Amino acid sequence: MRKLTFLPVLFAFVACQSGPSSSTSAAQLDLSTCDQFGAGVKDADAVAIDAILADPKKYDGQTLRFSGPIQSICQTKGCWMRVGADDQMGGQNVFIKFKDYAFFMPLDGAGRTAVVEGTVAIKEIPVDQIKHYLEDAGKKDEAAKVTQPQIQVTCMASGVALGKR
């Protein structure tokens, strides 16, 4: 009987030692099977995208690693992407460009999980840029409706790892 009462205590101890919850760390990807871009990503430990979107000022100016689902990618070149869930945080996402314009994402990458290393910033995006990005995404009707600049959580990425489909 003593052995049976010890097991639940052991399991509770191990569960408490397993690290941060999913709200502060991202799902682990096996980076050895990921497609790597730019400087690549060496470590899969990352801040979950919902943590950044919940409190972007906390992360403003920080270089870090985060992960989340790719919502859209520039369909002209793959020179930017949006990471975050449409139904999460009111549809917010992080707008990501690639350092020194040195690498691009595959045009069919939407829906894959990305681990991104880069510097997060909160920026005001001018109307003409918003329209340009919407047109790149094939959303010409939506672009025509833009009349005001927007505050956006952005990232200048030095490396990206994409999970396989």
N, C-alpha and C. Protein backbone atom coordinates (compact mmCIF):
# COMPACT_ATOMS: atom_id res chain seq x y z
N MET A 1 0.82 -1.20 0.00
CA MET A 1 0.00 0.00 0.00
C MET A 1 0.86 1.27 0.00
N ARG A 2 2.00 1.21 0.68
CA ARG A 2 2.87 2.37 0.72
C ARG A 2 3.35 2.74 -0.68
N LYS A 3 3.62 1.77 -1.52
CA LYS A 3 4.10 2.04 -2.88
C LYS A 3 3.03 2.77 -3.69
N LEU A 4 1.79 2.42 -3.50
CA LEU A 4 0.71 3.07 -4.26
C LEU A 4 0.53 4.53 -3.86
N THR A 5 0.70 4.87 -2.59
CA THR A 5 0.55 6.27 -2.19
C THR A 5 1.76 7.09 -2.61
N PHE A 6 2.89 6.48 -2.79
CA PHE A 6 4.10 7.17 -3.21
C PHE A 6 4.02 7.59 -4.69
N LEU A 7 3.44 6.75 -5.54
CA LEU A 7 3.38 7.03 -6.97
C LEU A 7 2.66 8.32 -7.31
N PRO A 8 1.45 8.59 -6.76
CA PRO A 8 0.82 9.87 -7.09
C PRO A 8 1.65 11.07 -6.67
N VAL A 9 2.33 10.97 -5.53
CA VAL A 9 3.19 12.07 -5.08
C VAL A 9 4.34 12.26 -6.05
N LEU A 10 4.94 11.16 -6.50
CA LEU A 10 6.03 11.23 -7.46
C LEU A 10 5.56 11.86 -8.77
N PHE A 11 4.40 11.44 -9.28
CA PHE A 11 3.88 12.01 -10.53
C PHE A 11 3.60 13.50 -10.37
N ALA A 12 3.05 13.91 -9.23
CA ALA A 12 2.77 15.33 -9.01
C ALA A 12 4.07 16.13 -8.99
N PHE A 13 5.11 15.58 -8.35
CA PHE A 13 6.41 16.26 -8.30
C PHE A 13 7.00 16.41 -9.68
N VAL A 14 6.98 15.35 -10.48
CA VAL A 14 7.54 15.39 -11.84
C VAL A 14 6.76 16.37 -12.71
N ALA A 15 5.44 16.37 -12.60
CA ALA A 15 4.63 17.29 -13.40
C ALA A 15 4.94 18.74 -13.07
N CYS A 16 5.19 19.04 -11.80
CA CYS A 16 5.52 20.41 -11.41
C CYS A 16 6.90 20.83 -11.88
N GLN A 17 7.77 19.88 -12.16
CA GLN A 17 9.13 20.18 -12.59
C GLN A 17 9.26 20.25 -14.10
N SER A 18 8.17 20.11 -14.85
CA SER A 18 8.26 19.99 -16.30
C SER A 18 8.51 21.30 -17.02
N GLY A 19 8.56 22.42 -16.31
CA GLY A 19 8.87 23.69 -16.95
C GLY A 19 7.66 24.57 -17.09
N PRO A 20 7.80 25.67 -17.84
CA PRO A 20 6.73 26.64 -17.98
C PRO A 20 5.54 26.07 -18.72
N SER A 21 4.39 26.66 -18.46
CA SER A 21 3.18 26.22 -19.15
C SER A 21 3.19 26.71 -20.59
N SER A 22 2.23 26.26 -21.39
CA SER A 22 2.20 26.62 -22.80
C SER A 22 1.95 28.10 -23.03
N SER A 23 1.48 28.82 -22.02
CA SER A 23 1.27 30.25 -22.22
C SER A 23 2.58 31.03 -22.22
N THR A 24 3.66 30.43 -21.70
CA THR A 24 4.93 31.13 -21.72
C THR A 24 5.99 30.42 -22.52
N SER A 25 5.75 29.21 -22.95
CA SER A 25 6.72 28.54 -23.82
C SER A 25 5.96 27.90 -24.96
N ALA A 26 6.61 27.76 -26.06
CA ALA A 26 5.95 27.27 -27.24
C ALA A 26 6.08 25.76 -27.34
N ALA A 27 5.26 25.18 -28.18
CA ALA A 27 5.36 23.75 -28.45
C ALA A 27 6.74 23.47 -29.04
N GLN A 28 7.32 22.38 -28.62
CA GLN A 28 8.65 22.04 -29.08
C GLN A 28 8.60 21.45 -30.48
N LEU A 29 9.46 21.93 -31.34
CA LEU A 29 9.64 21.36 -32.67
C LEU A 29 10.94 20.59 -32.67
N ASP A 30 11.01 19.54 -33.42
CA ASP A 30 12.27 18.83 -33.62
C ASP A 30 13.02 19.60 -34.70
N LEU A 31 13.94 20.46 -34.28
CA LEU A 31 14.62 21.35 -35.22
C LEU A 31 15.44 20.59 -36.25
N SER A 32 15.81 19.35 -35.95
CA SER A 32 16.59 18.57 -36.92
C SER A 32 15.77 18.21 -38.15
N THR A 33 14.44 18.30 -38.04
CA THR A 33 13.58 17.99 -39.18
C THR A 33 12.92 19.23 -39.77
N CYS A 34 13.28 20.41 -39.26
CA CYS A 34 12.69 21.65 -39.74
C CYS A 34 13.45 22.19 -40.94
N ASP A 35 12.75 22.99 -41.74
CA ASP A 35 13.41 23.76 -42.79
C ASP A 35 13.96 25.02 -42.12
N GLN A 36 15.23 25.33 -42.33
CA GLN A 36 15.89 26.47 -41.69
C GLN A 36 16.13 27.57 -42.72
N PHE A 37 15.93 28.82 -42.28
CA PHE A 37 16.11 29.99 -43.14
C PHE A 37 16.93 31.04 -42.41
N GLY A 38 17.68 31.85 -43.17
CA GLY A 38 18.53 32.87 -42.56
C GLY A 38 19.59 32.23 -41.70
N ALA A 39 19.81 32.80 -40.50
CA ALA A 39 20.78 32.23 -39.57
C ALA A 39 20.28 30.94 -38.94
N GLY A 40 19.02 30.62 -39.19
CA GLY A 40 18.44 29.40 -38.63
C GLY A 40 18.13 29.57 -37.16
N VAL A 41 17.62 28.50 -36.56
CA VAL A 41 17.26 28.47 -35.15
C VAL A 41 17.91 27.24 -34.56
N LYS A 42 18.66 27.43 -33.49
CA LYS A 42 19.40 26.32 -32.89
C LYS A 42 18.69 25.70 -31.70
N ASP A 43 17.79 26.45 -31.08
CA ASP A 43 17.13 26.02 -29.86
C ASP A 43 15.63 26.22 -30.02
N ALA A 44 14.83 25.20 -29.74
CA ALA A 44 13.39 25.29 -29.93
C ALA A 44 12.67 25.96 -28.77
N ASP A 45 13.33 26.18 -27.63
CA ASP A 45 12.67 26.86 -26.52
C ASP A 45 12.29 28.27 -26.97
N ALA A 46 11.02 28.60 -26.80
CA ALA A 46 10.54 29.88 -27.33
C ALA A 46 9.39 30.40 -26.49
N VAL A 47 9.19 31.70 -26.57
CA VAL A 47 8.03 32.35 -25.95
C VAL A 47 6.84 32.08 -26.86
N ALA A 48 5.71 31.74 -26.30
CA ALA A 48 4.51 31.52 -27.11
C ALA A 48 4.02 32.85 -27.67
N ILE A 49 3.51 32.81 -28.87
CA ILE A 49 3.04 34.02 -29.55
C ILE A 49 1.95 34.74 -28.74
N ASP A 50 1.10 33.98 -28.04
CA ASP A 50 0.03 34.62 -27.27
C ASP A 50 0.59 35.47 -26.12
N ALA A 51 1.75 35.11 -25.57
CA ALA A 51 2.37 35.92 -24.51
C ALA A 51 2.82 37.27 -25.06
N ILE A 52 3.39 37.27 -26.25
CA ILE A 52 3.84 38.52 -26.88
C ILE A 52 2.64 39.40 -27.22
N LEU A 53 1.61 38.81 -27.78
CA LEU A 53 0.44 39.60 -28.18
C LEU A 53 -0.37 40.09 -26.98
N ALA A 54 -0.31 39.37 -25.87
CA ALA A 54 -1.03 39.80 -24.67
C ALA A 54 -0.38 41.01 -24.02
N ASP A 55 0.95 41.15 -24.14
CA ASP A 55 1.67 42.25 -23.52
C ASP A 55 2.85 42.66 -24.39
N PRO A 56 2.59 43.24 -25.57
CA PRO A 56 3.69 43.55 -26.49
C PRO A 56 4.70 44.55 -25.93
N LYS A 57 4.27 45.46 -25.08
CA LYS A 57 5.22 46.44 -24.52
C LYS A 57 6.31 45.76 -23.70
N LYS A 58 5.99 44.64 -23.08
CA LYS A 58 6.96 43.89 -22.29
C LYS A 58 8.12 43.39 -23.16
N TYR A 59 7.84 43.11 -24.42
CA TYR A 59 8.83 42.52 -25.32
C TYR A 59 9.41 43.52 -26.32
N ASP A 60 8.90 44.76 -26.31
CA ASP A 60 9.35 45.77 -27.26
C ASP A 60 10.86 46.00 -27.15
N GLY A 61 11.57 45.86 -28.26
CA GLY A 61 13.01 46.07 -28.30
C GLY A 61 13.85 44.86 -27.91
N GLN A 62 13.21 43.78 -27.51
CA GLN A 62 13.94 42.58 -27.09
C GLN A 62 14.21 41.65 -28.28
N THR A 63 15.40 41.07 -28.28
CA THR A 63 15.71 40.02 -29.23
C THR A 63 15.40 38.71 -28.55
N LEU A 64 14.52 37.93 -29.15
CA LEU A 64 14.08 36.70 -28.53
C LEU A 64 13.65 35.68 -29.57
N ARG A 65 13.25 34.55 -29.09
CA ARG A 65 12.76 33.46 -29.93
C ARG A 65 11.30 33.23 -29.56
N PHE A 66 10.43 33.15 -30.57
CA PHE A 66 9.02 32.88 -30.32
C PHE A 66 8.48 31.98 -31.42
N SER A 67 7.33 31.40 -31.17
CA SER A 67 6.77 30.52 -32.18
C SER A 67 5.26 30.65 -32.25
N GLY A 68 4.73 30.22 -33.38
CA GLY A 68 3.30 30.25 -33.59
C GLY A 68 2.99 29.84 -35.02
N PRO A 69 1.70 29.74 -35.32
CA PRO A 69 1.28 29.35 -36.67
C PRO A 69 1.41 30.51 -37.66
N ILE A 70 1.86 30.20 -38.86
CA ILE A 70 1.95 31.22 -39.91
C ILE A 70 0.55 31.44 -40.48
N GLN A 71 0.09 32.69 -40.42
CA GLN A 71 -1.23 33.04 -40.95
C GLN A 71 -1.17 33.42 -42.42
N SER A 72 -0.13 34.16 -42.80
CA SER A 72 0.01 34.56 -44.20
C SER A 72 1.46 34.87 -44.51
N ILE A 73 1.78 34.76 -45.80
CA ILE A 73 3.11 35.04 -46.32
C ILE A 73 2.95 35.87 -47.58
N CYS A 74 3.87 36.81 -47.80
CA CYS A 74 3.86 37.59 -49.04
C CYS A 74 3.82 36.62 -50.21
N GLN A 75 2.82 36.78 -51.07
CA GLN A 75 2.67 35.87 -52.21
C GLN A 75 3.44 36.33 -53.44
N THR A 76 4.15 37.44 -53.31
CA THR A 76 4.99 37.90 -54.41
C THR A 76 6.37 37.28 -54.33
N LYS A 77 7.01 37.37 -53.13
CA LYS A 77 8.39 36.88 -52.95
C LYS A 77 8.59 36.02 -51.71
N GLY A 78 7.67 36.12 -50.74
CA GLY A 78 7.90 35.48 -49.46
C GLY A 78 8.74 36.35 -48.55
N CYS A 79 8.70 37.68 -48.77
CA CYS A 79 9.58 38.60 -48.05
C CYS A 79 9.03 39.06 -46.71
N TRP A 80 7.83 38.64 -46.32
CA TRP A 80 7.28 38.90 -45.00
C TRP A 80 6.29 37.80 -44.67
N MET A 81 5.98 37.69 -43.38
CA MET A 81 4.93 36.76 -42.96
C MET A 81 4.27 37.29 -41.69
N ARG A 82 3.09 36.79 -41.44
CA ARG A 82 2.36 37.11 -40.21
C ARG A 82 2.22 35.81 -39.42
N VAL A 83 2.61 35.88 -38.15
CA VAL A 83 2.54 34.71 -37.27
C VAL A 83 1.60 35.03 -36.12
N GLY A 84 0.65 34.17 -35.87
CA GLY A 84 -0.34 34.33 -34.82
C GLY A 84 -1.62 33.68 -35.28
N ALA A 85 -2.53 33.48 -34.38
CA ALA A 85 -3.79 32.82 -34.75
C ALA A 85 -4.87 33.85 -34.99
N ASP A 86 -5.63 33.67 -36.07
CA ASP A 86 -6.71 34.60 -36.39
C ASP A 86 -7.73 34.71 -35.25
N ASP A 87 -8.03 33.59 -34.60
CA ASP A 87 -9.05 33.62 -33.55
C ASP A 87 -8.45 33.90 -32.18
N GLN A 88 -7.16 34.14 -32.13
CA GLN A 88 -6.45 34.36 -30.87
C GLN A 88 -6.20 35.85 -30.71
N MET A 89 -6.35 36.34 -29.51
CA MET A 89 -6.02 37.74 -29.20
C MET A 89 -6.72 38.71 -30.16
N GLY A 90 -7.95 38.43 -30.51
CA GLY A 90 -8.70 39.33 -31.38
C GLY A 90 -8.18 39.39 -32.80
N GLY A 91 -7.54 38.33 -33.26
CA GLY A 91 -7.03 38.30 -34.62
C GLY A 91 -5.67 38.93 -34.78
N GLN A 92 -5.00 39.29 -33.69
CA GLN A 92 -3.69 39.93 -33.77
C GLN A 92 -2.63 38.93 -34.23
N ASN A 93 -1.55 39.48 -34.74
CA ASN A 93 -0.42 38.66 -35.14
C ASN A 93 0.83 39.52 -35.11
N VAL A 94 1.97 38.88 -35.28
CA VAL A 94 3.25 39.59 -35.38
C VAL A 94 3.63 39.64 -36.84
N PHE A 95 3.94 40.83 -37.33
CA PHE A 95 4.34 41.03 -38.71
C PHE A 95 5.86 40.89 -38.77
N ILE A 96 6.36 39.95 -39.55
CA ILE A 96 7.78 39.62 -39.56
C ILE A 96 8.39 39.89 -40.92
N LYS A 97 9.51 40.64 -40.89
CA LYS A 97 10.35 40.84 -42.08
C LYS A 97 11.69 40.18 -41.79
N PHE A 98 12.51 40.04 -42.80
CA PHE A 98 13.74 39.27 -42.66
C PHE A 98 14.96 40.16 -42.79
N LYS A 99 15.85 40.04 -41.81
CA LYS A 99 17.01 40.92 -41.66
C LYS A 99 17.82 41.02 -42.96
N ASP A 100 18.12 42.25 -43.34
CA ASP A 100 18.92 42.55 -44.53
C ASP A 100 18.31 42.01 -45.82
N TYR A 101 17.01 41.68 -45.77
CA TYR A 101 16.33 41.15 -46.97
C TYR A 101 17.10 39.94 -47.51
N ALA A 102 17.71 39.19 -46.57
CA ALA A 102 18.67 38.14 -46.93
C ALA A 102 18.03 36.77 -47.19
N PHE A 103 16.79 36.58 -46.77
CA PHE A 103 16.14 35.29 -47.00
C PHE A 103 14.63 35.50 -47.08
N PHE A 104 13.96 34.50 -47.63
CA PHE A 104 12.52 34.57 -47.86
C PHE A 104 11.86 33.27 -47.44
N MET A 105 10.57 33.31 -47.21
CA MET A 105 9.80 32.12 -46.84
C MET A 105 9.18 31.50 -48.08
N PRO A 106 8.95 30.18 -48.04
CA PRO A 106 8.24 29.55 -49.15
C PRO A 106 6.81 30.09 -49.23
N LEU A 107 6.34 30.32 -50.43
CA LEU A 107 5.01 30.92 -50.61
C LEU A 107 3.89 30.04 -50.08
N ASP A 108 4.13 28.74 -49.95
CA ASP A 108 3.10 27.82 -49.46
C ASP A 108 3.26 27.51 -47.97
N GLY A 109 3.93 28.38 -47.23
CA GLY A 109 4.22 28.12 -45.82
C GLY A 109 3.09 28.40 -44.83
N ALA A 110 2.02 29.06 -45.26
CA ALA A 110 0.91 29.36 -44.34
C ALA A 110 0.36 28.07 -43.76
N GLY A 111 0.07 28.11 -42.48
CA GLY A 111 -0.45 26.94 -41.79
C GLY A 111 0.63 26.14 -41.07
N ARG A 112 1.88 26.35 -41.44
CA ARG A 112 2.97 25.65 -40.76
C ARG A 112 3.33 26.41 -39.47
N THR A 113 3.98 25.72 -38.55
CA THR A 113 4.46 26.36 -37.33
C THR A 113 5.85 26.92 -37.58
N ALA A 114 6.07 28.16 -37.15
CA ALA A 114 7.37 28.82 -37.30
C ALA A 114 7.97 29.10 -35.94
N VAL A 115 9.26 28.87 -35.81
CA VAL A 115 10.03 29.35 -34.67
C VAL A 115 10.89 30.47 -35.24
N VAL A 116 10.76 31.66 -34.67
CA VAL A 116 11.40 32.87 -35.20
C VAL A 116 12.38 33.42 -34.17
N GLU A 117 13.58 33.78 -34.61
CA GLU A 117 14.52 34.51 -33.77
C GLU A 117 14.67 35.90 -34.36
N GLY A 118 14.46 36.92 -33.51
CA GLY A 118 14.58 38.28 -34.00
C GLY A 118 14.25 39.29 -32.95
N THR A 119 14.23 40.55 -33.36
CA THR A 119 13.97 41.67 -32.46
C THR A 119 12.54 42.14 -32.65
N VAL A 120 11.79 42.15 -31.55
CA VAL A 120 10.38 42.55 -31.55
C VAL A 120 10.30 44.07 -31.35
N ALA A 121 9.39 44.70 -32.07
CA ALA A 121 9.17 46.15 -31.92
C ALA A 121 7.70 46.47 -32.14
N ILE A 122 7.25 47.53 -31.53
CA ILE A 122 5.90 48.05 -31.77
C ILE A 122 6.07 49.26 -32.66
N LYS A 123 5.44 49.23 -33.83
CA LYS A 123 5.61 50.31 -34.81
C LYS A 123 4.28 50.78 -35.35
N GLU A 124 4.27 52.05 -35.77
CA GLU A 124 3.13 52.56 -36.51
C GLU A 124 3.40 52.33 -37.98
N ILE A 125 2.49 51.63 -38.64
CA ILE A 125 2.64 51.30 -40.05
C ILE A 125 1.82 52.30 -40.87
N PRO A 126 2.47 53.04 -41.79
CA PRO A 126 1.75 54.02 -42.61
C PRO A 126 0.74 53.37 -43.56
N VAL A 127 -0.23 54.14 -43.95
CA VAL A 127 -1.31 53.66 -44.81
C VAL A 127 -0.77 53.02 -46.10
N ASP A 128 0.20 53.67 -46.75
CA ASP A 128 0.70 53.14 -48.02
C ASP A 128 1.37 51.77 -47.83
N GLN A 129 2.06 51.57 -46.72
CA GLN A 129 2.67 50.26 -46.46
C GLN A 129 1.62 49.20 -46.18
N ILE A 130 0.61 49.56 -45.40
CA ILE A 130 -0.47 48.61 -45.11
C ILE A 130 -1.12 48.15 -46.41
N LYS A 131 -1.42 49.11 -47.28
CA LYS A 131 -2.04 48.78 -48.56
C LYS A 131 -1.12 47.88 -49.39
N HIS A 132 0.17 48.19 -49.40
CA HIS A 132 1.14 47.38 -50.15
C HIS A 132 1.15 45.94 -49.65
N TYR A 133 1.20 45.74 -48.32
CA TYR A 133 1.24 44.39 -47.76
C TYR A 133 -0.07 43.64 -48.04
N LEU A 134 -1.19 44.32 -47.95
CA LEU A 134 -2.47 43.67 -48.26
C LEU A 134 -2.54 43.26 -49.73
N GLU A 135 -2.05 44.12 -50.61
CA GLU A 135 -2.03 43.78 -52.04
C GLU A 135 -1.10 42.59 -52.30
N ASP A 136 0.07 42.56 -51.60
CA ASP A 136 0.98 41.41 -51.71
C ASP A 136 0.29 40.11 -51.29
N ALA A 137 -0.62 40.22 -50.32
CA ALA A 137 -1.34 39.05 -49.82
C ALA A 137 -2.56 38.72 -50.69
N GLY A 138 -2.77 39.49 -51.77
CA GLY A 138 -3.90 39.23 -52.65
C GLY A 138 -5.21 39.81 -52.14
N LYS A 139 -5.16 40.76 -51.22
CA LYS A 139 -6.36 41.34 -50.63
C LYS A 139 -6.57 42.77 -51.11
N LYS A 140 -6.76 42.95 -52.41
CA LYS A 140 -6.88 44.27 -53.01
C LYS A 140 -8.12 45.04 -52.52
N ASP A 141 -9.24 44.34 -52.33
CA ASP A 141 -10.45 45.01 -51.85
C ASP A 141 -10.26 45.55 -50.44
N GLU A 142 -9.61 44.74 -49.59
CA GLU A 142 -9.33 45.17 -48.22
C GLU A 142 -8.35 46.35 -48.21
N ALA A 143 -7.36 46.32 -49.10
CA ALA A 143 -6.37 47.40 -49.18
C ALA A 143 -7.04 48.73 -49.53
N ALA A 144 -8.03 48.70 -50.39
CA ALA A 144 -8.71 49.93 -50.81
C ALA A 144 -9.45 50.59 -49.65
N LYS A 145 -9.78 49.85 -48.62
CA LYS A 145 -10.55 50.38 -47.49
C LYS A 145 -9.66 51.01 -46.40
N VAL A 146 -8.36 50.85 -46.49
CA VAL A 146 -7.45 51.35 -45.45
C VAL A 146 -7.31 52.87 -45.56
N THR A 147 -7.58 53.56 -44.44
CA THR A 147 -7.48 55.02 -44.44
C THR A 147 -6.65 55.55 -43.27
N GLN A 148 -6.31 54.70 -42.31
CA GLN A 148 -5.58 55.14 -41.12
C GLN A 148 -4.34 54.26 -40.90
N PRO A 149 -3.26 54.85 -40.38
CA PRO A 149 -2.10 54.03 -40.02
C PRO A 149 -2.49 53.08 -38.88
N GLN A 150 -1.73 52.02 -38.70
CA GLN A 150 -2.02 51.03 -37.66
C GLN A 150 -0.79 50.79 -36.79
N ILE A 151 -1.04 50.52 -35.52
CA ILE A 151 0.02 50.10 -34.61
C ILE A 151 0.13 48.59 -34.75
N GLN A 152 1.34 48.10 -34.97
CA GLN A 152 1.55 46.69 -35.24
C GLN A 152 2.74 46.17 -34.44
N VAL A 153 2.61 44.96 -33.91
CA VAL A 153 3.75 44.27 -33.31
C VAL A 153 4.53 43.68 -34.48
N THR A 154 5.82 44.03 -34.56
CA THR A 154 6.65 43.59 -35.68
C THR A 154 7.87 42.84 -35.16
N CYS A 155 8.57 42.19 -36.08
CA CYS A 155 9.81 41.51 -35.74
C CYS A 155 10.73 41.55 -36.95
N MET A 156 12.00 41.87 -36.70
CA MET A 156 13.03 41.77 -37.73
C MET A 156 13.75 40.46 -37.42
N ALA A 157 13.48 39.44 -38.22
CA ALA A 157 13.98 38.09 -37.94
C ALA A 157 15.37 37.87 -38.52
N SER A 158 16.22 37.24 -37.74
CA SER A 158 17.54 36.84 -38.23
C SER A 158 17.53 35.37 -38.65
N GLY A 159 16.58 34.60 -38.11
CA GLY A 159 16.48 33.19 -38.47
C GLY A 159 15.08 32.66 -38.24
N VAL A 160 14.71 31.66 -39.02
CA VAL A 160 13.39 31.03 -38.92
C VAL A 160 13.54 29.54 -39.14
N ALA A 161 12.81 28.77 -38.33
CA ALA A 161 12.69 27.32 -38.55
C ALA A 161 11.22 27.04 -38.81
N LEU A 162 10.94 26.30 -39.88
CA LEU A 162 9.56 25.95 -40.21
C LEU A 162 9.36 24.46 -40.00
N GLY A 163 8.30 24.14 -39.27
CA GLY A 163 7.94 22.74 -39.07
C GLY A 163 7.45 22.15 -40.39
N LYS A 164 7.67 20.87 -40.55
CA LYS A 164 7.21 20.17 -41.77
C LYS A 164 5.70 20.04 -41.73
N ARG A 165 5.10 19.91 -42.88
CA ARG A 165 3.65 19.70 -42.97
C ARG A 165 3.30 18.32 -42.53
